[in-house]
Amino acid sequence: MIIVGLALAGLAALIHVYIFYLESIAWTGERARATFGTGSVAQAESQKALAFNQGFYNLFLAVAVFVGIGFVIAGDLAIGATLVFVGAGSMVAASLVLLLSDPSKASAALKQGVVPALGVIALVIGLAL
C-alpha cells in the first residue's frame, strides 16, 4: 500500500507541476485563461504577478513530494514519508481552502485535491500495516 500511496502522491505532484506551468509560464495563453476563467488577455495580464507566485507554490509542493519519494526509494522511509505527507497534505489543504472559500470552484478543488488525498490515505494505511 505504500507504493500505491507514493504513486498517487507522485501523480498529484505531476498535476501540480502542470498547474505551475499554467500559472507561471502560460498564464496569458488561451489554455490557462480557459482553465482559470480569466477571460481576456488584458485581465490575465493584470493578474500575472499573482499567478506567477501561486504557480511556484504549486511547484514547491510537487518538489517536496518528489524528494520524499526519492528518500523512500533510497531507503529512508521516515524522511521520505514526512516529505510526501507535507507536500501532498498541503495540496489537500489548499484544495479545501479553495472549496470552502468559493464553492463555485468545487470542480477545480476536486481536481487538485482528490488524488493527493487518496495518496495520503494509502500511505497512512501502508505505514500502519
C-alpha atoms as a PDB file:
ATOM      1  CA  MET A   1       0.000   0.000   0.000  1.00  0.00           C
ATOM      2  CA  ILE A   2       2.997   2.302   0.494  1.00  0.00           C
ATOM      3  CA  ILE A   3       3.768   2.002  -3.221  1.00  0.00           C
ATOM      4  CA  VAL A   4       0.164   2.905  -4.088  1.00  0.00           C
ATOM      5  CA  GLY A   5       0.367   5.944  -1.802  1.00  0.00           C
ATOM      6  CA  LEU A   6       3.630   7.080  -3.340  1.00  0.00           C
ATOM      7  CA  ALA A   7       2.312   6.541  -6.867  1.00  0.00           C
ATOM      8  CA  LEU A   8      -0.806   8.600  -6.151  1.00  0.00           C
ATOM      9  CA  ALA A   9       1.239  11.320  -4.459  1.00  0.00           C
ATOM     10  CA  GLY A  10       3.606  11.308  -7.460  1.00  0.00           C
ATOM     11  CA  LEU A  11       0.633  11.698  -9.815  1.00  0.00           C
ATOM     12  CA  ALA A  12      -0.638  14.564  -7.676  1.00  0.00           C
ATOM     13  CA  ALA A  13       2.813  16.161  -7.903  1.00  0.00           C
ATOM     14  CA  LEU A  14       2.725  15.889 -11.702  1.00  0.00           C
ATOM     15  CA  ILE A  15      -0.680  17.571 -11.708  1.00  0.00           C
ATOM     16  CA  HIS A  16       0.773  20.385  -9.614  1.00  0.00           C
ATOM     17  CA  VAL A  17       3.731  20.758 -11.971  1.00  0.00           C
ATOM     18  CA  TYR A  18       1.180  21.235 -14.766  1.00  0.00           C
ATOM     19  CA  ILE A  19      -0.654  23.812 -12.641  1.00  0.00           C
ATOM     20  CA  PHE A  20       2.707  25.553 -12.120  1.00  0.00           C
ATOM     21  CA  TYR A  21       3.188  25.623 -15.876  1.00  0.00           C
ATOM     22  CA  LEU A  22      -0.243  27.143 -16.455  1.00  0.00           C
ATOM     23  CA  GLU A  23       0.105  29.737 -13.700  1.00  0.00           C
ATOM     24  CA  SER A  24       3.756  30.747 -14.002  1.00  0.00           C
ATOM     25  CA  ILE A  25       4.628  30.195 -17.651  1.00  0.00           C
ATOM     26  CA  ALA A  26       1.461  30.118 -19.776  1.00  0.00           C
ATOM     27  CA  TRP A  27      -0.834  32.356 -17.709  1.00  0.00           C
ATOM     28  CA  THR A  28      -1.896  34.661 -20.538  1.00  0.00           C
ATOM     29  CA  GLY A  29      -2.268  31.811 -23.032  1.00  0.00           C
ATOM     30  CA  GLU A  30      -5.628  30.527 -24.194  1.00  0.00           C
ATOM     31  CA  ARG A  31      -5.446  27.231 -22.254  1.00  0.00           C
ATOM     32  CA  ALA A  32      -4.605  28.861 -18.916  1.00  0.00           C
ATOM     33  CA  ARG A  33      -7.240  31.565 -19.393  1.00  0.00           C
ATOM     34  CA  ALA A  34      -9.871  28.923 -20.155  1.00  0.00           C
ATOM     35  CA  THR A  35      -8.789  26.743 -17.239  1.00  0.00           C
ATOM     36  CA  PHE A  36      -8.838  29.553 -14.684  1.00  0.00           C
ATOM     37  CA  GLY A  37     -11.624  31.623 -16.249  1.00  0.00           C
ATOM     38  CA  THR A  38      -9.600  34.802 -16.541  1.00  0.00           C
ATOM     39  CA  GLY A  39     -11.279  35.814 -19.790  1.00  0.00           C
ATOM     40  CA  SER A  40      -9.314  38.339 -21.777  1.00  0.00           C
ATOM     41  CA  VAL A  41      -5.570  38.617 -22.204  1.00  0.00           C
ATOM     42  CA  ALA A  42      -5.758  42.037 -20.534  1.00  0.00           C
ATOM     43  CA  GLN A  43      -7.459  40.567 -17.479  1.00  0.00           C
ATOM     44  CA  ALA A  44      -4.853  37.785 -17.334  1.00  0.00           C
ATOM     45  CA  GLU A  45      -2.043  40.341 -17.642  1.00  0.00           C
ATOM     46  CA  SER A  46      -3.410  42.224 -14.632  1.00  0.00           C
ATOM     47  CA  GLN A  47      -3.238  39.024 -12.561  1.00  0.00           C
ATOM     48  CA  LYS A  48       0.032  37.720 -13.953  1.00  0.00           C
ATOM     49  CA  ALA A  49       2.267  38.535 -10.954  1.00  0.00           C
ATOM     50  CA  LEU A  50      -0.089  36.847  -8.504  1.00  0.00           C
ATOM     51  CA  ALA A  51      -0.483  33.794 -10.736  1.00  0.00           C
ATOM     52  CA  PHE A  52       3.294  33.579 -11.187  1.00  0.00           C
ATOM     53  CA  ASN A  53       3.787  33.459  -7.422  1.00  0.00           C
ATOM     54  CA  GLN A  54       0.937  30.970  -6.919  1.00  0.00           C
ATOM     55  CA  GLY A  55       2.414  28.702  -9.575  1.00  0.00           C
ATOM     56  CA  PHE A  56       5.645  28.453  -7.638  1.00  0.00           C
ATOM     57  CA  TYR A  57       3.741  27.394  -4.524  1.00  0.00           C
ATOM     58  CA  ASN A  58       2.351  24.517  -6.560  1.00  0.00           C
ATOM     59  CA  LEU A  59       5.795  23.650  -7.899  1.00  0.00           C
ATOM     60  CA  PHE A  60       7.341  23.616  -4.426  1.00  0.00           C
ATOM     61  CA  LEU A  61       4.632  21.252  -3.150  1.00  0.00           C
ATOM     62  CA  ALA A  62       5.379  18.936  -6.069  1.00  0.00           C
ATOM     63  CA  VAL A  63       9.113  19.107  -5.359  1.00  0.00           C
ATOM     64  CA  ALA A  64       8.515  18.125  -1.721  1.00  0.00           C
ATOM     65  CA  VAL A  65       6.604  15.047  -2.886  1.00  0.00           C
ATOM     66  CA  PHE A  66       9.231  14.089  -5.476  1.00  0.00           C
ATOM     67  CA  VAL A  67      12.068  14.483  -2.980  1.00  0.00           C
ATOM     68  CA  GLY A  68      10.090  12.450  -0.452  1.00  0.00           C
ATOM     69  CA  ILE A  69       9.601   9.663  -2.974  1.00  0.00           C
ATOM     70  CA  GLY A  70      13.335   9.790  -3.651  1.00  0.00           C
ATOM     71  CA  PHE A  71      14.114   9.362   0.060  1.00  0.00           C
ATOM     72  CA  VAL A  72      11.772   6.371   0.266  1.00  0.00           C
ATOM     73  CA  ILE A  73      13.456   4.790  -2.762  1.00  0.00           C
ATOM     74  CA  ALA A  74      16.851   5.455  -1.160  1.00  0.00           C
ATOM     75  CA  GLY A  75      15.701   3.587   1.938  1.00  0.00           C
ATOM     76  CA  ASP A  76      14.847   6.399   4.354  1.00  0.00           C
ATOM     77  CA  LEU A  77      11.133   5.839   4.879  1.00  0.00           C
ATOM     78  CA  ALA A  78      10.761   8.284   7.793  1.00  0.00           C
ATOM     79  CA  ILE A  79      12.128  11.324   5.959  1.00  0.00           C
ATOM     80  CA  GLY A  80      10.508  10.337   2.682  1.00  0.00           C
ATOM     81  CA  ALA A  81       7.050   9.764   4.132  1.00  0.00           C
ATOM     82  CA  THR A  82       7.295  13.032   6.074  1.00  0.00           C
ATOM     83  CA  LEU A  83       8.051  14.988   2.913  1.00  0.00           C
ATOM     84  CA  VAL A  84       5.272  13.247   0.984  1.00  0.00           C
ATOM     85  CA  PHE A  85       2.813  13.995   3.797  1.00  0.00           C
ATOM     86  CA  VAL A  86       3.880  17.659   3.887  1.00  0.00           C
ATOM     87  CA  GLY A  87       3.643  18.115   0.113  1.00  0.00           C
ATOM     88  CA  ALA A  88       0.510  16.065  -0.581  1.00  0.00           C
ATOM     89  CA  GLY A  89      -1.148  17.153   2.658  1.00  0.00           C
ATOM     90  CA  SER A  90      -0.623  20.794   1.716  1.00  0.00           C
ATOM     91  CA  MET A  91      -2.183  20.088  -1.681  1.00  0.00           C
ATOM     92  CA  VAL A  92      -5.239  18.656   0.082  1.00  0.00           C
ATOM     93  CA  ALA A  93      -5.392  21.591   2.495  1.00  0.00           C
ATOM     94  CA  ALA A  94      -5.171  24.110  -0.361  1.00  0.00           C
ATOM     95  CA  SER A  95      -7.974  22.346  -2.210  1.00  0.00           C
ATOM     96  CA  LEU A  96     -10.145  22.525   0.917  1.00  0.00           C
ATOM     97  CA  VAL A  97      -9.425  26.248   1.259  1.00  0.00           C
ATOM     98  CA  LEU A  98     -10.488  26.750  -2.356  1.00  0.00           C
ATOM     99  CA  LEU A  99     -13.645  24.679  -1.902  1.00  0.00           C
ATOM    100  CA  LEU A 100     -14.680  26.386   1.334  1.00  0.00           C
ATOM    101  CA  SER A 101     -13.846  29.912   0.175  1.00  0.00           C
ATOM    102  CA  ASP A 102     -15.563  29.594  -3.212  1.00  0.00           C
ATOM    103  CA  PRO A 103     -17.927  26.629  -3.651  1.00  0.00           C
ATOM    104  CA  SER A 104     -18.336  27.533  -7.332  1.00  0.00           C
ATOM    105  CA  LYS A 105     -14.746  26.293  -7.744  1.00  0.00           C
ATOM    106  CA  ALA A 106     -15.600  22.789  -6.458  1.00  0.00           C
ATOM    107  CA  SER A 107     -14.514  21.172  -9.714  1.00  0.00           C
ATOM    108  CA  ALA A 108     -11.060  22.763  -9.556  1.00  0.00           C
ATOM    109  CA  ALA A 109     -10.742  21.949  -5.859  1.00  0.00           C
ATOM    110  CA  LEU A 110     -11.542  18.306  -6.513  1.00  0.00           C
ATOM    111  CA  LYS A 111      -9.068  18.144  -9.407  1.00  0.00           C
ATOM    112  CA  GLN A 112      -6.254  19.433  -7.232  1.00  0.00           C
ATOM    113  CA  GLY A 113      -7.233  17.652  -4.019  1.00  0.00           C
ATOM    114  CA  VAL A 114      -8.651  14.175  -4.599  1.00  0.00           C
ATOM    115  CA  VAL A 115      -5.515  12.456  -5.923  1.00  0.00           C
ATOM    116  CA  PRO A 116      -3.212  13.730  -3.163  1.00  0.00           C
ATOM    117  CA  ALA A 117      -5.863  12.862  -0.553  1.00  0.00           C
ATOM    118  CA  LEU A 118      -6.000   9.306  -1.862  1.00  0.00           C
ATOM    119  CA  GLY A 119      -2.197   9.202  -1.784  1.00  0.00           C
ATOM    120  CA  VAL A 120      -2.098  10.356   1.838  1.00  0.00           C
ATOM    121  CA  ILE A 121      -4.756   7.821   2.844  1.00  0.00           C
ATOM    122  CA  ALA A 122      -2.974   4.956   1.063  1.00  0.00           C
ATOM    123  CA  LEU A 123       0.370   5.949   2.586  1.00  0.00           C
ATOM    124  CA  VAL A 124      -1.131   6.087   6.087  1.00  0.00           C
ATOM    125  CA  ILE A 125      -2.654   2.639   5.615  1.00  0.00           C
ATOM    126  CA  GLY A 126       0.619   1.285   4.212  1.00  0.00           C
ATOM    127  CA  LEU A 127       2.629   2.620   7.114  1.00  0.00           C
ATOM    128  CA  ALA A 128       0.138   1.292   9.635  1.00  0.00           C
ATOM    129  CA  LEU A 129       0.326  -2.267   8.303  1.00  0.00           C
END
